Amino acid sequence: MEIKTKKESIDLYEKGFFGNKGLNWYSFEDYLKSNYNGKIVIRERKKFGKGVLLYDLSKEQVIDFFNKLLRSEHKNYWMNAAFPKEKALVQGEFYFSERGPYFHCSFVRDKHLRDALDESKEHIYGLRALMILKQFLSASSYSDFEEIIELFPNSVIELSVYDINVGENNYRNTIFWEVRDY
């Protein structure tokens, strides 16, 4: 299987196809109804990869952000519960290169994925790349990882691994943010 667009990857993520995912809201109204009071990430839907990405917002900041927009613009954004960046163990992108397994990753704590990779990245090849993932992913998360690479053997897998369980599925310490072939 191949995932040819960012929209297709996000649609599969939203449906839980990659195993574990975070708590998400696809409208401002749904977020307000949830009465969730933890930190939030706002993402722009239309400008994938280059659009608005705001981390660790309080409920008041989220409300302020949406109040500044025209109501018709609300649909351009979605939100997820922010994961505890201070609990991140390793974050990055895995795929099978012409040299075999490859993990482009960061062990920086206190930063979300994009910022962690900007600050410090390592390039790990071969069996060591798989062994690092096996070491840090919980058994359930590693099982999800194996299923993803079986279904999408030529895809890049973007993930964050934490030292606590995260997401909607029990006993998982990993979020698979994106699987892509584009």
Foldseek 3Di string as FASTA:
>chain_A
DADADPVSFVVCVVVCVLPFDFAKFQFPVVVVVVPDFFFKWKDFQPDPPPDDTDGRDGPVRVVVVVVVDDNVCRNRMMMGHHDQQQFWQKWFKWAQDPQGTKTWIARDGPDPRVVRSVVDIDIDDDPVNVVVCVVQWFPSSVVSVVVVCVVVRGWMWTKIFGPDDHGDDPPTRMRGNGIHDD
